[in-house]
Amino acid sequence: MTLTIKYFGMTAEASGKTEESFRSNYSSIAELQKDIINKYPKLEKISFKIAANQTIVNDDYLLSENEEIALLPPFAGG
């Protein structure tokens, strides 16, 4: 399965990337998140939400081929 991972704000700074492709057999967002944090340990200290195809999802969300995943740090309004 191929997933596109997009990083924004502090998550982009922590990973050093704005986007990358992951090829894997993750079944859930929780598995993907664990692997991303293992790859980029600085993300463990950052609070962020995960969106799949532009919708915020929970850890138990089941992944499908070619999904776009976004790591979204807290946003401030103004």
PDB file of N, CA and C in Angstrom:
ATOM      1  N   MET A   1       0.852  -1.171   0.000  1.00  0.00           N
ATOM      2  CA  MET A   1       0.000   0.000   0.000  1.00  0.00           C
ATOM      3  C   MET A   1       0.899   1.235   0.000  1.00  0.00           C
ATOM      4  N   THR A   2       0.519   2.226  -0.762  1.00  0.00           N
ATOM      5  CA  THR A   2       1.253   3.491  -0.794  1.00  0.00           C
ATOM      6  C   THR A   2       0.390   4.587  -0.186  1.00  0.00           C
ATOM      7  N   LEU A   3       0.984   5.319   0.745  1.00  0.00           N
ATOM      8  CA  LEU A   3       0.308   6.443   1.391  1.00  0.00           C
ATOM      9  C   LEU A   3       1.134   7.693   1.170  1.00  0.00           C
ATOM     10  N   THR A   4       0.480   8.811   0.952  1.00  0.00           N
ATOM     11  CA  THR A   4       1.155  10.106   0.897  1.00  0.00           C
ATOM     12  C   THR A   4       0.992  10.767   2.253  1.00  0.00           C
ATOM     13  N   ILE A   5       2.122  11.100   2.876  1.00  0.00           N
ATOM     14  CA  ILE A   5       2.109  11.737   4.189  1.00  0.00           C
ATOM     15  C   ILE A   5       2.506  13.192   4.008  1.00  0.00           C
ATOM     16  N   LYS A   6       1.669  14.108   4.503  1.00  0.00           N
ATOM     17  CA  LYS A   6       1.962  15.536   4.436  1.00  0.00           C
ATOM     18  C   LYS A   6       2.160  16.059   5.849  1.00  0.00           C
ATOM     19  N   TYR A   7       3.183  16.885   6.002  1.00  0.00           N
ATOM     20  CA  TYR A   7       3.544  17.450   7.298  1.00  0.00           C
ATOM     21  C   TYR A   7       3.333  18.965   7.247  1.00  0.00           C
ATOM     22  N   PHE A   8       2.761  19.511   8.322  1.00  0.00           N
ATOM     23  CA  PHE A   8       2.494  20.939   8.384  1.00  0.00           C
ATOM     24  C   PHE A   8       3.054  21.521   9.679  1.00  0.00           C
ATOM     25  N   GLY A   9       3.475  22.789   9.615  1.00  0.00           N
ATOM     26  CA  GLY A   9       3.926  23.510  10.806  1.00  0.00           C
ATOM     27  C   GLY A   9       5.018  22.795  11.561  1.00  0.00           C
ATOM     28  N   MET A  10       4.784  22.591  12.853  1.00  0.00           N
ATOM     29  CA  MET A  10       5.782  21.964  13.721  1.00  0.00           C
ATOM     30  C   MET A  10       6.093  20.525  13.306  1.00  0.00           C
ATOM     31  N   THR A  11       5.133  19.831  12.712  1.00  0.00           N
ATOM     32  CA  THR A  11       5.415  18.451  12.289  1.00  0.00           C
ATOM     33  C   THR A  11       6.382  18.444  11.108  1.00  0.00           C
ATOM     34  N   ALA A  12       6.295  19.457  10.249  1.00  0.00           N
ATOM     35  CA  ALA A  12       7.244  19.578   9.131  1.00  0.00           C
ATOM     36  C   ALA A  12       8.636  19.907   9.657  1.00  0.00           C
ATOM     37  N   GLU A  13       8.706  20.779  10.653  1.00  0.00           N
ATOM     38  CA  GLU A  13      10.002  21.114  11.247  1.00  0.00           C
ATOM     39  C   GLU A  13      10.627  19.893  11.917  1.00  0.00           C
ATOM     40  N   ALA A  14       9.826  19.104  12.633  1.00  0.00           N
ATOM     41  CA  ALA A  14      10.337  17.938  13.352  1.00  0.00           C
ATOM     42  C   ALA A  14      10.793  16.822  12.408  1.00  0.00           C
ATOM     43  N   SER A  15      10.106  16.681  11.283  1.00  0.00           N
ATOM     44  CA  SER A  15      10.455  15.613  10.340  1.00  0.00           C
ATOM     45  C   SER A  15      11.467  16.066   9.292  1.00  0.00           C
ATOM     46  N   GLY A  16      11.557  17.386   9.093  1.00  0.00           N
ATOM     47  CA  GLY A  16      12.431  17.899   8.046  1.00  0.00           C
ATOM     48  C   GLY A  16      11.846  17.709   6.659  1.00  0.00           C
ATOM     49  N   LYS A  17      10.551  17.431   6.594  1.00  0.00           N
ATOM     50  CA  LYS A  17       9.876  17.184   5.315  1.00  0.00           C
ATOM     51  C   LYS A  17       8.522  17.890   5.296  1.00  0.00           C
ATOM     52  N   THR A  18       8.049  18.145   4.102  1.00  0.00           N
ATOM     53  CA  THR A  18       6.677  18.629   3.954  1.00  0.00           C
ATOM     54  C   THR A  18       5.780  17.536   3.380  1.00  0.00           C
ATOM     55  N   GLU A  19       6.398  16.552   2.716  1.00  0.00           N
ATOM     56  CA  GLU A  19       5.630  15.460   2.128  1.00  0.00           C
ATOM     57  C   GLU A  19       6.553  14.285   1.831  1.00  0.00           C
ATOM     58  N   GLU A  20       6.006  13.075   1.941  1.00  0.00           N
ATOM     59  CA  GLU A  20       6.738  11.877   1.545  1.00  0.00           C
ATOM     60  C   GLU A  20       5.740  10.754   1.292  1.00  0.00           C
ATOM     61  N   SER A  21       6.190   9.727   0.603  1.00  0.00           N
ATOM     62  CA  SER A  21       5.370   8.539   0.363  1.00  0.00           C
ATOM     63  C   SER A  21       5.850   7.417   1.258  1.00  0.00           C
ATOM     64  N   PHE A  22       4.911   6.694   1.830  1.00  0.00           N
ATOM     65  CA  PHE A  22       5.211   5.514   2.638  1.00  0.00           C
ATOM     66  C   PHE A  22       4.648   4.301   1.909  1.00  0.00           C
ATOM     67  N   ARG A  23       5.465   3.288   1.743  1.00  0.00           N
ATOM     68  CA  ARG A  23       4.987   2.015   1.216  1.00  0.00           C
ATOM     69  C   ARG A  23       4.995   1.039   2.378  1.00  0.00           C
ATOM     70  N   SER A  24       3.820   0.529   2.719  1.00  0.00           N
ATOM     71  CA  SER A  24       3.723  -0.351   3.865  1.00  0.00           C
ATOM     72  C   SER A  24       2.406  -1.101   3.851  1.00  0.00           C
ATOM     73  N   ASN A  25       2.247  -1.931   4.859  1.00  0.00           N
ATOM     74  CA  ASN A  25       1.001  -2.677   5.034  1.00  0.00           C
ATOM     75  C   ASN A  25       0.323  -2.307   6.345  1.00  0.00           C
ATOM     76  N   TYR A  26       0.354  -1.028   6.698  1.00  0.00           N
ATOM     77  CA  TYR A  26      -0.330  -0.575   7.903  1.00  0.00           C
ATOM     78  C   TYR A  26      -1.818  -0.859   7.757  1.00  0.00           C
ATOM     79  N   SER A  27      -2.431  -1.244   8.861  1.00  0.00           N
ATOM     80  CA  SER A  27      -3.873  -1.437   8.795  1.00  0.00           C
ATOM     81  C   SER A  27      -4.621  -0.259   9.424  1.00  0.00           C
ATOM     82  N   SER A  28      -3.963   0.434  10.383  1.00  0.00           N
ATOM     83  CA  SER A  28      -4.661   1.528  11.063  1.00  0.00           C
ATOM     84  C   SER A  28      -3.768   2.757  11.204  1.00  0.00           C
ATOM     85  N   ILE A  29      -4.406   3.866  11.493  1.00  0.00           N
ATOM     86  CA  ILE A  29      -3.689   5.111  11.750  1.00  0.00           C
ATOM     87  C   ILE A  29      -2.738   4.938  12.933  1.00  0.00           C
ATOM     88  N   ALA A  30      -3.132   4.195  13.952  1.00  0.00           N
ATOM     89  CA  ALA A  30      -2.277   3.984  15.125  1.00  0.00           C
ATOM     90  C   ALA A  30      -0.950   3.346  14.728  1.00  0.00           C
ATOM     91  N   GLU A  31      -0.985   2.343  13.845  1.00  0.00           N
ATOM     92  CA  GLU A  31       0.251   1.691  13.380  1.00  0.00           C
ATOM     93  C   GLU A  31       1.123   2.661  12.596  1.00  0.00           C
ATOM     94  N   LEU A  32       0.506   3.429  11.728  1.00  0.00           N
ATOM     95  CA  LEU A  32       1.237   4.412  10.936  1.00  0.00           C
ATOM     96  C   LEU A  32       1.868   5.465  11.840  1.00  0.00           C
ATOM     97  N   GLN A  33       1.098   5.977  12.786  1.00  0.00           N
ATOM     98  CA  GLN A  33       1.609   7.008  13.698  1.00  0.00           C
ATOM     99  C   GLN A  33       2.808   6.482  14.485  1.00  0.00           C
ATOM    100  N   LYS A  34       2.725   5.266  14.978  1.00  0.00           N
ATOM    101  CA  LYS A  34       3.839   4.674  15.733  1.00  0.00           C
ATOM    102  C   LYS A  34       5.102   4.615  14.871  1.00  0.00           C
ATOM    103  N   ASP A  35       4.967   4.210  13.623  1.00  0.00           N
ATOM    104  CA  ASP A  35       6.116   4.107  12.730  1.00  0.00           C
ATOM    105  C   ASP A  35       6.693   5.479  12.384  1.00  0.00           C
ATOM    106  N   ILE A  36       5.823   6.459  12.171  1.00  0.00           N
ATOM    107  CA  ILE A  36       6.294   7.814  11.865  1.00  0.00           C
ATOM    108  C   ILE A  36       7.058   8.387  13.057  1.00  0.00           C
ATOM    109  N   ILE A  37       6.543   8.174  14.265  1.00  0.00           N
ATOM    110  CA  ILE A  37       7.232   8.670  15.460  1.00  0.00           C
ATOM    111  C   ILE A  37       8.564   7.951  15.657  1.00  0.00           C
ATOM    112  N   ASN A  38       8.616   6.666  15.340  1.00  0.00           N
ATOM    113  CA  ASN A  38       9.898   5.951  15.404  1.00  0.00           C
ATOM    114  C   ASN A  38      10.892   6.535  14.408  1.00  0.00           C
ATOM    115  N   LYS A  39      10.409   6.914  13.236  1.00  0.00           N
ATOM    116  CA  LYS A  39      11.275   7.480  12.196  1.00  0.00           C
ATOM    117  C   LYS A  39      11.713   8.899  12.552  1.00  0.00           C
ATOM    118  N   TYR A  40      10.799   9.681  13.141  1.00  0.00           N
ATOM    119  CA  TYR A  40      11.064  11.073  13.512  1.00  0.00           C
ATOM    120  C   TYR A  40      10.741  11.264  14.996  1.00  0.00           C
ATOM    121  N   PRO A  41      11.651  10.892  15.898  1.00  0.00           N
ATOM    122  CA  PRO A  41      11.387  10.935  17.346  1.00  0.00           C
ATOM    123  C   PRO A  41      10.953  12.303  17.881  1.00  0.00           C
ATOM    124  N   LYS A  42      11.340  13.389  17.222  1.00  0.00           N
ATOM    125  CA  LYS A  42      10.928  14.726  17.687  1.00  0.00           C
ATOM    126  C   LYS A  42       9.410  14.884  17.661  1.00  0.00           C
ATOM    127  N   LEU A  43       8.718  14.104  16.831  1.00  0.00           N
ATOM    128  CA  LEU A  43       7.259  14.207  16.751  1.00  0.00           C
ATOM    129  C   LEU A  43       6.576  13.750  18.035  1.00  0.00           C
ATOM    130  N   GLU A  44       7.257  12.932  18.830  1.00  0.00           N
ATOM    131  CA  GLU A  44       6.658  12.433  20.056  1.00  0.00           C
ATOM    132  C   GLU A  44       6.355  13.563  21.040  1.00  0.00           C
ATOM    133  N   LYS A  45       7.084  14.657  20.939  1.00  0.00           N
ATOM    134  CA  LYS A  45       6.909  15.784  21.858  1.00  0.00           C
ATOM    135  C   LYS A  45       5.913  16.819  21.345  1.00  0.00           C
ATOM    136  N   ILE A  46       5.346  16.559  20.176  1.00  0.00           N
ATOM    137  CA  ILE A  46       4.431  17.512  19.547  1.00  0.00           C
ATOM    138  C   ILE A  46       3.014  16.954  19.574  1.00  0.00           C
ATOM    139  N   SER A  47       2.071  17.788  19.944  1.00  0.00           N
ATOM    140  CA  SER A  47       0.669  17.405  19.881  1.00  0.00           C
ATOM    141  C   SER A  47       0.174  17.654  18.456  1.00  0.00           C
ATOM    142  N   PHE A  48      -0.380  16.626  17.828  1.00  0.00           N
ATOM    143  CA  PHE A  48      -0.906  16.804  16.478  1.00  0.00           C
ATOM    144  C   PHE A  48      -2.079  15.864  16.226  1.00  0.00           C
ATOM    145  N   LYS A  49      -2.921  16.263  15.308  1.00  0.00           N
ATOM    146  CA  LYS A  49      -4.046  15.441  14.845  1.00  0.00           C
ATOM    147  C   LYS A  49      -3.642  14.824  13.510  1.00  0.00           C
ATOM    148  N   ILE A  50      -4.333  13.758  13.141  1.00  0.00           N
ATOM    149  CA  ILE A  50      -4.076  13.123  11.853  1.00  0.00           C
ATOM    150  C   ILE A  50      -5.359  13.160  11.037  1.00  0.00           C
ATOM    151  N   ALA A  51      -5.210  13.574   9.786  1.00  0.00           N
ATOM    152  CA  ALA A  51      -6.331  13.590   8.856  1.00  0.00           C
ATOM    153  C   ALA A  51      -6.059  12.596   7.732  1.00  0.00           C
ATOM    154  N   ALA A  52      -7.099  11.933   7.301  1.00  0.00           N
ATOM    155  CA  ALA A  52      -7.034  11.056   6.135  1.00  0.00           C
ATOM    156  C   ALA A  52      -7.983  11.626   5.095  1.00  0.00           C
ATOM    157  N   ASN A  53      -7.430  11.955   3.940  1.00  0.00           N
ATOM    158  CA  ASN A  53      -8.240  12.538   2.857  1.00  0.00           C
ATOM    159  C   ASN A  53      -9.025  13.757   3.332  1.00  0.00           C
ATOM    160  N   GLN A  54      -8.348  14.619   4.081  1.00  0.00           N
ATOM    161  CA  GLN A  54      -8.857  15.906   4.553  1.00  0.00           C
ATOM    162  C   GLN A  54      -9.948  15.806   5.616  1.00  0.00           C
ATOM    163  N   THR A  55      -9.992  14.667   6.342  1.00  0.00           N
ATOM    164  CA  THR A  55     -10.933  14.489   7.444  1.00  0.00           C
ATOM    165  C   THR A  55     -10.162  13.988   8.657  1.00  0.00           C
ATOM    166  N   ILE A  56     -10.316  14.664   9.808  1.00  0.00           N
ATOM    167  CA  ILE A  56      -9.658  14.235  11.040  1.00  0.00           C
ATOM    168  C   ILE A  56     -10.170  12.837  11.403  1.00  0.00           C
ATOM    169  N   VAL A  57      -9.229  11.932  11.737  1.00  0.00           N
ATOM    170  CA  VAL A  57      -9.604  10.546  12.042  1.00  0.00           C
ATOM    171  C   VAL A  57      -9.045  10.124  13.400  1.00  0.00           C
ATOM    172  N   ASN A  58      -9.603   9.051  13.948  1.00  0.00           N
ATOM    173  CA  ASN A  58      -9.151   8.466  15.210  1.00  0.00           C
ATOM    174  C   ASN A  58      -8.090   7.407  14.939  1.00  0.00           C
ATOM    175  N   ASP A  59      -7.459   6.933  16.019  1.00  0.00           N
ATOM    176  CA  ASP A  59      -6.414   5.919  15.914  1.00  0.00           C
ATOM    177  C   ASP A  59      -6.886   4.616  15.270  1.00  0.00           C
ATOM    178  N   ASP A  60      -8.171   4.296  15.407  1.00  0.00           N
ATOM    179  CA  ASP A  60      -8.666   3.030  14.880  1.00  0.00           C
ATOM    180  C   ASP A  60      -9.123   3.111  13.415  1.00  0.00           C
ATOM    181  N   TYR A  61      -8.945   4.263  12.796  1.00  0.00           N
ATOM    182  CA  TYR A  61      -9.309   4.421  11.379  1.00  0.00           C
ATOM    183  C   TYR A  61      -8.504   3.433  10.542  1.00  0.00           C
ATOM    184  N   LEU A  62      -9.174   2.696   9.656  1.00  0.00           N
ATOM    185  CA  LEU A  62      -8.512   1.706   8.807  1.00  0.00           C
ATOM    186  C   LEU A  62      -8.063   2.346   7.496  1.00  0.00           C
ATOM    187  N   LEU A  63      -6.815   2.143   7.175  1.00  0.00           N
ATOM    188  CA  LEU A  63      -6.207   2.757   5.991  1.00  0.00           C
ATOM    189  C   LEU A  63      -6.502   1.976   4.722  1.00  0.00           C
ATOM    190  N   SER A  64      -6.536   2.705   3.610  1.00  0.00           N
ATOM    191  CA  SER A  64      -6.722   2.119   2.279  1.00  0.00           C
ATOM    192  C   SER A  64      -5.615   2.614   1.360  1.00  0.00           C
ATOM    193  N   GLU A  65      -5.438   1.942   0.248  1.00  0.00           N
ATOM    194  CA  GLU A  65      -4.423   2.295  -0.745  1.00  0.00           C
ATOM    195  C   GLU A  65      -4.600   3.731  -1.221  1.00  0.00           C
ATOM    196  N   ASN A  66      -3.466   4.421  -1.409  1.00  0.00           N
ATOM    197  CA  ASN A  66      -3.405   5.759  -2.004  1.00  0.00           C
ATOM    198  C   ASN A  66      -4.085   6.857  -1.194  1.00  0.00           C
ATOM    199  N   GLU A  67      -4.187   6.689   0.105  1.00  0.00           N
ATOM    200  CA  GLU A  67      -4.781   7.747   0.917  1.00  0.00           C
ATOM    201  C   GLU A  67      -3.771   8.862   1.154  1.00  0.00           C
ATOM    202  N   GLU A  68      -4.298  10.063   1.337  1.00  0.00           N
ATOM    203  CA  GLU A  68      -3.481  11.211   1.689  1.00  0.00           C
ATOM    204  C   GLU A  68      -3.633  11.443   3.182  1.00  0.00           C
ATOM    205  N   ILE A  69      -2.515  11.345   3.895  1.00  0.00           N
ATOM    206  CA  ILE A  69      -2.502  11.498   5.339  1.00  0.00           C
ATOM    207  C   ILE A  69      -1.806  12.801   5.684  1.00  0.00           C
ATOM    208  N   ALA A  70      -2.395  13.579   6.579  1.00  0.00           N
ATOM    209  CA  ALA A  70      -1.794  14.852   6.986  1.00  0.00           C
ATOM    210  C   ALA A  70      -1.599  14.875   8.487  1.00  0.00           C
ATOM    211  N   LEU A  71      -0.421  15.322   8.919  1.00  0.00           N
ATOM    212  CA  LEU A  71      -0.139  15.522  10.338  1.00  0.00           C
ATOM    213  C   LEU A  71      -0.336  17.008  10.619  1.00  0.00           C
ATOM    214  N   LEU A  72      -1.332  17.308  11.455  1.00  0.00           N
ATOM    215  CA  LEU A  72      -1.761  18.680  11.670  1.00  0.00           C
ATOM    216  C   LEU A  72      -1.485  19.130  13.099  1.00  0.00           C
ATOM    217  N   PRO A  73      -0.587  20.078  13.286  1.00  0.00           N
ATOM    218  CA  PRO A  73      -0.327  20.608  14.624  1.00  0.00           C
ATOM    219  C   PRO A  73      -1.489  21.507  15.038  1.00  0.00           C
ATOM    220  N   PRO A  74      -1.536  21.913  16.315  1.00  0.00           N
ATOM    221  CA  PRO A  74      -2.597  22.832  16.735  1.00  0.00           C
ATOM    222  C   PRO A  74      -2.540  24.136  15.928  1.00  0.00           C
ATOM    223  N   PHE A  75      -3.697  24.652  15.609  1.00  0.00           N
ATOM    224  CA  PHE A  75      -3.786  25.906  14.866  1.00  0.00           C
ATOM    225  C   PHE A  75      -4.267  27.005  15.800  1.00  0.00           C
ATOM    226  N   ALA A  76      -3.732  28.181  15.633  1.00  0.00           N
ATOM    227  CA  ALA A  76      -4.178  29.335  16.419  1.00  0.00           C
ATOM    228  C   ALA A  76      -5.040  30.222  15.524  1.00  0.00           C
ATOM    229  N   GLY A  77      -6.125  30.682  16.057  1.00  0.00           N
ATOM    230  CA  GLY A  77      -7.001  31.572  15.307  1.00  0.00           C
ATOM    231  C   GLY A  77      -6.642  33.031  15.573  1.00  0.00           C
ATOM    232  N   GLY A  78      -7.233  33.901  14.802  1.00  0.00           N
ATOM    233  CA  GLY A  78      -6.924  35.295  15.082  1.00  0.00           C
ATOM    234  C   GLY A  78      -7.613  36.217  14.146  1.00  0.00           C
TER     235      GLY A  78
END
